[in-house]
């Protein structure tokens, strides 16, 4: 696995451990921020939400992390 994806998966695992016991998952802003290693801005969150809503198939966490990193890196290289 890509080292960048491995690092992001580790940050997601830490965020999952910090959540309340009653929480089932993570809110999108917390999850995306963990993936990219910094606070996610509104534009990135909107892009991720749009991508998620247009996907009709289930994806694994590794696929979500990898896709979010790719989207983040694409946006940064095109701005």
PDB file of N, CA and C in Angstrom:
ATOM      1  N   UNK A   1       0.849  -1.180   0.000  1.00  0.00           N
ATOM      2  CA  UNK A   1       0.000   0.000   0.000  1.00  0.00           C
ATOM      3  C   UNK A   1       0.891   1.238   0.000  1.00  0.00           C
ATOM      4  N   UNK A   2       0.410   2.264  -0.624  1.00  0.00           N
ATOM      5  CA  UNK A   2       1.084   3.552  -0.714  1.00  0.00           C
ATOM      6  C   UNK A   2       1.374   4.087   0.702  1.00  0.00           C
ATOM      7  N   UNK A   3       2.595   4.583   0.950  1.00  0.00           N
ATOM      8  CA  UNK A   3       2.932   5.105   2.287  1.00  0.00           C
ATOM      9  C   UNK A   3       2.022   6.255   2.722  1.00  0.00           C
ATOM     10  N   UNK A   4       1.589   7.086   1.776  1.00  0.00           N
ATOM     11  CA  UNK A   4       0.694   8.192   2.105  1.00  0.00           C
ATOM     12  C   UNK A   4      -0.664   7.657   2.576  1.00  0.00           C
ATOM     13  N   UNK A   5      -1.139   6.596   1.944  1.00  0.00           N
ATOM     14  CA  UNK A   5      -2.406   5.969   2.343  1.00  0.00           C
ATOM     15  C   UNK A   5      -2.238   5.304   3.710  1.00  0.00           C
ATOM     16  N   UNK A   6      -1.117   4.640   3.934  1.00  0.00           N
ATOM     17  CA  UNK A   6      -0.851   4.021   5.242  1.00  0.00           C
ATOM     18  C   UNK A   6      -0.879   5.052   6.357  1.00  0.00           C
ATOM     19  N   UNK A   7      -0.218   6.179   6.133  1.00  0.00           N
ATOM     20  CA  UNK A   7      -0.192   7.242   7.146  1.00  0.00           C
ATOM     21  C   UNK A   7      -1.599   7.779   7.399  1.00  0.00           C
ATOM     22  N   UNK A   8      -2.360   7.961   6.334  1.00  0.00           N
ATOM     23  CA  UNK A   8      -3.734   8.450   6.475  1.00  0.00           C
ATOM     24  C   UNK A   8      -4.600   7.441   7.228  1.00  0.00           C
ATOM     25  N   UNK A   9      -4.430   6.170   6.931  1.00  0.00           N
ATOM     26  CA  UNK A   9      -5.191   5.129   7.631  1.00  0.00           C
ATOM     27  C   UNK A   9      -4.861   5.130   9.126  1.00  0.00           C
ATOM     28  N   UNK A  10      -3.615   5.377   9.460  1.00  0.00           N
ATOM     29  CA  UNK A  10      -3.217   5.461  10.875  1.00  0.00           C
ATOM     30  C   UNK A  10      -3.885   6.643  11.558  1.00  0.00           C
ATOM     31  N   UNK A  11      -3.953   7.786  10.860  1.00  0.00           N
ATOM     32  CA  UNK A  11      -4.615   8.966  11.435  1.00  0.00           C
ATOM     33  C   UNK A  11      -6.114   8.710  11.617  1.00  0.00           C
ATOM     34  N   UNK A  12      -6.714   8.000  10.673  1.00  0.00           N
ATOM     35  CA  UNK A  12      -8.139   7.655  10.802  1.00  0.00           C
ATOM     36  C   UNK A  12      -8.339   6.732  11.995  1.00  0.00           C
ATOM     37  N   UNK A  13      -7.457   5.769  12.185  1.00  0.00           N
ATOM     38  CA  UNK A  13      -7.564   4.855  13.330  1.00  0.00           C
ATOM     39  C   UNK A  13      -7.485   5.625  14.646  1.00  0.00           C
ATOM     40  N   UNK A  14      -6.606   6.602  14.727  1.00  0.00           N
ATOM     41  CA  UNK A  14      -6.488   7.430  15.940  1.00  0.00           C
ATOM     42  C   UNK A  14      -7.785   8.212  16.160  1.00  0.00           C
ATOM     43  N   UNK A  15      -8.329   8.786  15.092  1.00  0.00           N
ATOM     44  CA  UNK A  15      -9.590   9.529  15.206  1.00  0.00           C
ATOM     45  C   UNK A  15     -10.721   8.603  15.659  1.00  0.00           C
ATOM     46  N   UNK A  16     -10.733   7.384  15.167  1.00  0.00           N
ATOM     47  CA  UNK A  16     -11.765   6.421  15.577  1.00  0.00           C
ATOM     48  C   UNK A  16     -11.639   6.089  17.066  1.00  0.00           C
ATOM     49  N   UNK A  17     -10.412   5.980  17.552  1.00  0.00           N
ATOM     50  CA  UNK A  17     -10.194   5.664  18.969  1.00  0.00           C
ATOM     51  C   UNK A  17     -10.626   6.815  19.875  1.00  0.00           C
ATOM     52  N   UNK A  18     -10.562   8.054  19.370  1.00  0.00           N
ATOM     53  CA  UNK A  18     -10.898   9.233  20.171  1.00  0.00           C
ATOM     54  C   UNK A  18     -12.400   9.505  20.243  1.00  0.00           C
ATOM     55  N   UNK A  19     -13.201   8.844  19.420  1.00  0.00           N
ATOM     56  CA  UNK A  19     -14.633   9.122  19.391  1.00  0.00           C
ATOM     57  C   UNK A  19     -15.303   8.592  20.655  1.00  0.00           C
ATOM     58  N   UNK A  20     -16.505   9.069  20.906  1.00  0.00           N
ATOM     59  CA  UNK A  20     -17.289   8.596  22.043  1.00  0.00           C
ATOM     60  C   UNK A  20     -17.694   7.152  21.825  1.00  0.00           C
ATOM     61  N   UNK A  21     -17.843   6.426  22.907  1.00  0.00           N
ATOM     62  CA  UNK A  21     -18.225   5.015  22.824  1.00  0.00           C
ATOM     63  C   UNK A  21     -19.559   4.819  22.116  1.00  0.00           C
ATOM     64  N   UNK A  22     -20.457   5.779  22.251  1.00  0.00           N
ATOM     65  CA  UNK A  22     -21.782   5.652  21.646  1.00  0.00           C
ATOM     66  C   UNK A  22     -21.779   6.002  20.155  1.00  0.00           C
ATOM     67  N   UNK A  23     -20.706   6.602  19.683  1.00  0.00           N
ATOM     68  CA  UNK A  23     -20.616   6.984  18.269  1.00  0.00           C
ATOM     69  C   UNK A  23     -20.332   5.769  17.399  1.00  0.00           C
ATOM     70  N   UNK A  24     -21.039   5.662  16.281  1.00  0.00           N
ATOM     71  CA  UNK A  24     -20.863   4.529  15.381  1.00  0.00           C
ATOM     72  C   UNK A  24     -19.746   4.793  14.386  1.00  0.00           C
ATOM     73  N   UNK A  25     -19.648   5.983  13.865  1.00  0.00           N
ATOM     74  CA  UNK A  25     -18.632   6.318  12.867  1.00  0.00           C
ATOM     75  C   UNK A  25     -18.040   7.683  13.166  1.00  0.00           C
ATOM     76  N   UNK A  26     -17.504   8.292  12.138  1.00  0.00           N
ATOM     77  CA  UNK A  26     -16.946   9.639  12.252  1.00  0.00           C
ATOM     78  C   UNK A  26     -17.707  10.577  11.331  1.00  0.00           C
ATOM     79  N   UNK A  27     -17.888  11.807  11.767  1.00  0.00           N
ATOM     80  CA  UNK A  27     -18.480  12.811  10.888  1.00  0.00           C
ATOM     81  C   UNK A  27     -17.510  13.087   9.746  1.00  0.00           C
ATOM     82  N   UNK A  28     -18.050  13.448   8.600  1.00  0.00           N
ATOM     83  CA  UNK A  28     -17.239  13.674   7.402  1.00  0.00           C
ATOM     84  C   UNK A  28     -16.108  14.684   7.649  1.00  0.00           C
ATOM     85  N   UNK A  29     -16.354  15.832   8.288  1.00  0.00           N
ATOM     86  CA  UNK A  29     -15.241  16.772   8.499  1.00  0.00           C
ATOM     87  C   UNK A  29     -14.092  16.180   9.322  1.00  0.00           C
ATOM     88  N   UNK A  30     -14.426  15.389  10.325  1.00  0.00           N
ATOM     89  CA  UNK A  30     -13.392  14.766  11.160  1.00  0.00           C
ATOM     90  C   UNK A  30     -12.645  13.705  10.363  1.00  0.00           C
ATOM     91  N   UNK A  31     -13.379  12.903   9.606  1.00  0.00           N
ATOM     92  CA  UNK A  31     -12.767  11.858   8.804  1.00  0.00           C
ATOM     93  C   UNK A  31     -11.848  12.437   7.733  1.00  0.00           C
ATOM     94  N   UNK A  32     -12.318  13.427   6.994  1.00  0.00           N
ATOM     95  CA  UNK A  32     -11.503  14.024   5.932  1.00  0.00           C
ATOM     96  C   UNK A  32     -10.280  14.720   6.525  1.00  0.00           C
ATOM     97  N   UNK A  33     -10.447  15.412   7.632  1.00  0.00           N
ATOM     98  CA  UNK A  33      -9.308  16.067   8.282  1.00  0.00           C
ATOM     99  C   UNK A  33      -8.269  15.040   8.726  1.00  0.00           C
ATOM    100  N   UNK A  34      -8.717  13.912   9.246  1.00  0.00           N
ATOM    101  CA  UNK A  34      -7.779  12.854   9.635  1.00  0.00           C
ATOM    102  C   UNK A  34      -7.046  12.319   8.408  1.00  0.00           C
ATOM    103  N   UNK A  35      -7.763  12.151   7.316  1.00  0.00           N
ATOM    104  CA  UNK A  35      -7.148  11.611   6.103  1.00  0.00           C
ATOM    105  C   UNK A  35      -6.057  12.532   5.578  1.00  0.00           C
ATOM    106  N   UNK A  36      -6.341  13.837   5.515  1.00  0.00           N
ATOM    107  CA  UNK A  36      -5.366  14.758   4.915  1.00  0.00           C
ATOM    108  C   UNK A  36      -4.347  15.280   5.920  1.00  0.00           C
ATOM    109  N   UNK A  37      -4.565  15.036   7.204  1.00  0.00           N
ATOM    110  CA  UNK A  37      -3.599  15.439   8.219  1.00  0.00           C
ATOM    111  C   UNK A  37      -3.639  16.905   8.578  1.00  0.00           C
ATOM    112  N   UNK A  38      -4.732  17.559   8.245  1.00  0.00           N
ATOM    113  CA  UNK A  38      -4.931  18.965   8.595  1.00  0.00           C
ATOM    114  C   UNK A  38      -6.425  19.245   8.530  1.00  0.00           C
ATOM    115  N   UNK A  39      -6.830  20.405   9.025  1.00  0.00           N
ATOM    116  CA  UNK A  39      -8.255  20.717   8.994  1.00  0.00           C
ATOM    117  C   UNK A  39      -8.724  20.871   7.552  1.00  0.00           C
ATOM    118  N   UNK A  40      -9.804  20.200   7.232  1.00  0.00           N
ATOM    119  CA  UNK A  40     -10.364  20.261   5.883  1.00  0.00           C
ATOM    120  C   UNK A  40     -11.183  21.532   5.709  1.00  0.00           C
ATOM    121  N   UNK A  41     -11.004  22.184   4.563  1.00  0.00           N
ATOM    122  CA  UNK A  41     -11.779  23.390   4.279  1.00  0.00           C
ATOM    123  C   UNK A  41     -13.121  23.016   3.646  1.00  0.00           C
ATOM    124  N   UNK A  42     -14.013  23.993   3.570  1.00  0.00           N
ATOM    125  CA  UNK A  42     -15.364  23.749   3.063  1.00  0.00           C
ATOM    126  C   UNK A  42     -15.367  23.256   1.618  1.00  0.00           C
ATOM    127  N   UNK A  43     -14.482  23.778   0.793  1.00  0.00           N
ATOM    128  CA  UNK A  43     -14.440  23.361  -0.605  1.00  0.00           C
ATOM    129  C   UNK A  43     -14.120  21.863  -0.718  1.00  0.00           C
ATOM    130  N   UNK A  44     -13.112  21.410   0.015  1.00  0.00           N
ATOM    131  CA  UNK A  44     -12.750  19.998  -0.029  1.00  0.00           C
ATOM    132  C   UNK A  44     -13.887  19.130   0.514  1.00  0.00           C
ATOM    133  N   UNK A  45     -14.503  19.564   1.600  1.00  0.00           N
ATOM    134  CA  UNK A  45     -15.618  18.803   2.167  1.00  0.00           C
ATOM    135  C   UNK A  45     -16.767  18.700   1.167  1.00  0.00           C
ATOM    136  N   UNK A  46     -17.044  19.784   0.457  1.00  0.00           N
ATOM    137  CA  UNK A  46     -18.099  19.751  -0.568  1.00  0.00           C
ATOM    138  C   UNK A  46     -17.734  18.791  -1.696  1.00  0.00           C
ATOM    139  N   UNK A  47     -16.466  18.790  -2.112  1.00  0.00           N
ATOM    140  CA  UNK A  47     -16.028  17.874  -3.164  1.00  0.00           C
ATOM    141  C   UNK A  47     -16.179  16.422  -2.719  1.00  0.00           C
ATOM    142  N   UNK A  48     -15.796  16.131  -1.491  1.00  0.00           N
ATOM    143  CA  UNK A  48     -15.908  14.768  -0.971  1.00  0.00           C
ATOM    144  C   UNK A  48     -17.374  14.360  -0.867  1.00  0.00           C
ATOM    145  N   UNK A  49     -18.209  15.249  -0.353  1.00  0.00           N
ATOM    146  CA  UNK A  49     -19.636  14.927  -0.232  1.00  0.00           C
ATOM    147  C   UNK A  49     -20.270  14.693  -1.606  1.00  0.00           C
ATOM    148  N   UNK A  50     -19.899  15.510  -2.578  1.00  0.00           N
ATOM    149  CA  UNK A  50     -20.425  15.335  -3.934  1.00  0.00           C
ATOM    150  C   UNK A  50     -19.986  14.001  -4.509  1.00  0.00           C
ATOM    151  N   UNK A  51     -18.721  13.664  -4.327  1.00  0.00           N
ATOM    152  CA  UNK A  51     -18.219  12.377  -4.829  1.00  0.00           C
ATOM    153  C   UNK A  51     -18.928  11.215  -4.145  1.00  0.00           C
ATOM    154  N   UNK A  52     -19.155  11.328  -2.851  1.00  0.00           N
ATOM    155  CA  UNK A  52     -19.831  10.259  -2.118  1.00  0.00           C
ATOM    156  C   UNK A  52     -21.276  10.106  -2.570  1.00  0.00           C
ATOM    157  N   UNK A  53     -21.951  11.211  -2.786  1.00  0.00           N
ATOM    158  CA  UNK A  53     -23.361  11.127  -3.166  1.00  0.00           C
ATOM    159  C   UNK A  53     -23.548  10.626  -4.596  1.00  0.00           C
ATOM    160  N   UNK A  54     -22.528  10.779  -5.430  1.00  0.00           N
ATOM    161  CA  UNK A  54     -22.648  10.301  -6.809  1.00  0.00           C
ATOM    162  C   UNK A  54     -22.244   8.834  -6.949  1.00  0.00           C
ATOM    163  N   UNK A  55     -21.690   8.259  -5.899  1.00  0.00           N
ATOM    164  CA  UNK A  55     -21.271   6.858  -5.928  1.00  0.00           C
ATOM    165  C   UNK A  55     -22.407   5.979  -5.412  1.00  0.00           C
ATOM    166  N   UNK A  56     -22.851   5.046  -6.233  1.00  0.00           N
ATOM    167  CA  UNK A  56     -23.955   4.166  -5.846  1.00  0.00           C
ATOM    168  C   UNK A  56     -23.489   2.822  -5.304  1.00  0.00           C
ATOM    169  N   UNK A  57     -22.186   2.624  -5.229  1.00  0.00           N
ATOM    170  CA  UNK A  57     -21.654   1.353  -4.744  1.00  0.00           C
ATOM    171  C   UNK A  57     -20.936   1.573  -3.425  1.00  0.00           C
ATOM    172  N   UNK A  58     -20.902   0.539  -2.601  1.00  0.00           N
ATOM    173  CA  UNK A  58     -20.158   0.649  -1.352  1.00  0.00           C
ATOM    174  C   UNK A  58     -18.661   0.557  -1.651  1.00  0.00           C
ATOM    175  N   UNK A  59     -17.885   1.242  -0.828  1.00  0.00           N
ATOM    176  CA  UNK A  59     -16.428   1.217  -0.979  1.00  0.00           C
ATOM    177  C   UNK A  59     -15.806   0.915   0.374  1.00  0.00           C
ATOM    178  N   UNK A  60     -14.602   0.412   0.341  1.00  0.00           N
ATOM    179  CA  UNK A  60     -13.883   0.116   1.586  1.00  0.00           C
ATOM    180  C   UNK A  60     -13.291   1.400   2.148  1.00  0.00           C
ATOM    181  N   UNK A  61     -12.872   1.335   3.378  1.00  0.00           N
ATOM    182  CA  UNK A  61     -12.234   2.499   3.989  1.00  0.00           C
ATOM    183  C   UNK A  61     -10.937   2.837   3.253  1.00  0.00           C
ATOM    184  N   UNK A  62     -10.186   1.843   2.840  1.00  0.00           N
ATOM    185  CA  UNK A  62      -8.939   2.094   2.099  1.00  0.00           C
ATOM    186  C   UNK A  62      -9.249   2.819   0.793  1.00  0.00           C
ATOM    187  N   UNK A  63     -10.308   2.418   0.104  1.00  0.00           N
ATOM    188  CA  UNK A  63     -10.693   3.093  -1.134  1.00  0.00           C
ATOM    189  C   UNK A  63     -11.126   4.529  -0.859  1.00  0.00           C
ATOM    190  N   UNK A  64     -11.881   4.743   0.221  1.00  0.00           N
ATOM    191  CA  UNK A  64     -12.314   6.085   0.577  1.00  0.00           C
ATOM    192  C   UNK A  64     -11.115   6.962   0.910  1.00  0.00           C
ATOM    193  N   UNK A  65     -10.197   6.436   1.700  1.00  0.00           N
ATOM    194  CA  UNK A  65      -9.004   7.191   2.086  1.00  0.00           C
ATOM    195  C   UNK A  65      -8.168   7.530   0.850  1.00  0.00           C
ATOM    196  N   UNK A  66      -7.920   6.547   0.023  1.00  0.00           N
ATOM    197  CA  UNK A  66      -7.127   6.745  -1.183  1.00  0.00           C
ATOM    198  C   UNK A  66      -7.786   7.757  -2.114  1.00  0.00           C
ATOM    199  N   UNK A  67      -9.085   7.639  -2.301  1.00  0.00           N
ATOM    200  CA  UNK A  67      -9.815   8.560  -3.178  1.00  0.00           C
ATOM    201  C   UNK A  67      -9.801   9.983  -2.631  1.00  0.00           C
ATOM    202  N   UNK A  68      -9.966  10.121  -1.330  1.00  0.00           N
ATOM    203  CA  UNK A  68      -9.946  11.449  -0.714  1.00  0.00           C
ATOM    204  C   UNK A  68      -8.568  12.078  -0.849  1.00  0.00           C
ATOM    205  N   UNK A  69      -7.519  11.296  -0.621  1.00  0.00           N
ATOM    206  CA  UNK A  69      -6.155  11.816  -0.808  1.00  0.00           C
ATOM    207  C   UNK A  69      -5.918  12.228  -2.258  1.00  0.00           C
ATOM    208  N   UNK A  70      -6.380  11.405  -3.193  1.00  0.00           N
ATOM    209  CA  UNK A  70      -6.221  11.753  -4.608  1.00  0.00           C
ATOM    210  C   UNK A  70      -6.953  13.043  -4.944  1.00  0.00           C
ATOM    211  N   UNK A  71      -8.149  13.219  -4.423  1.00  0.00           N
ATOM    212  CA  UNK A  71      -8.912  14.438  -4.649  1.00  0.00           C
ATOM    213  C   UNK A  71      -8.204  15.640  -4.039  1.00  0.00           C
ATOM    214  N   UNK A  72      -7.709  15.488  -2.831  1.00  0.00           N
ATOM    215  CA  UNK A  72      -6.972  16.562  -2.148  1.00  0.00           C
ATOM    216  C   UNK A  72      -5.716  16.941  -2.932  1.00  0.00           C
ATOM    217  N   UNK A  73      -4.956  15.951  -3.354  1.00  0.00           N
ATOM    218  CA  UNK A  73      -3.722  16.219  -4.105  1.00  0.00           C
ATOM    219  C   UNK A  73      -4.023  16.828  -5.479  1.00  0.00           C
ATOM    220  N   UNK A  74      -5.074  16.347  -6.143  1.00  0.00           N
ATOM    221  CA  UNK A  74      -5.473  16.906  -7.440  1.00  0.00           C
ATOM    222  C   UNK A  74      -5.847  18.377  -7.289  1.00  0.00           C
ATOM    223  N   UNK A  75      -6.659  18.677  -6.273  1.00  0.00           N
ATOM    224  CA  UNK A  75      -7.071  20.056  -6.064  1.00  0.00           C
ATOM    225  C   UNK A  75      -5.883  20.950  -5.773  1.00  0.00           C
ATOM    226  N   UNK A  76      -4.957  20.473  -4.967  1.00  0.00           N
ATOM    227  CA  UNK A  76      -3.781  21.286  -4.646  1.00  0.00           C
ATOM    228  C   UNK A  76      -2.876  21.507  -5.843  1.00  0.00           C
ATOM    229  N   UNK A  77      -2.786  20.525  -6.720  1.00  0.00           N
ATOM    230  CA  UNK A  77      -1.924  20.683  -7.890  1.00  0.00           C
ATOM    231  C   UNK A  77      -2.562  21.537  -8.977  1.00  0.00           C
ATOM    232  N   UNK A  78      -3.868  21.766  -8.873  1.00  0.00           N
ATOM    233  CA  UNK A  78      -4.581  22.569  -9.870  1.00  0.00           C
ATOM    234  C   UNK A  78      -5.046  23.910  -9.339  1.00  0.00           C
ATOM    235  N   UNK A  79      -4.477  24.338  -8.232  1.00  0.00           N
ATOM    236  CA  UNK A  79      -4.883  25.649  -7.707  1.00  0.00           C
ATOM    237  C   UNK A  79      -3.740  26.628  -7.736  1.00  0.00           C
TER     238      UNK A  79
END
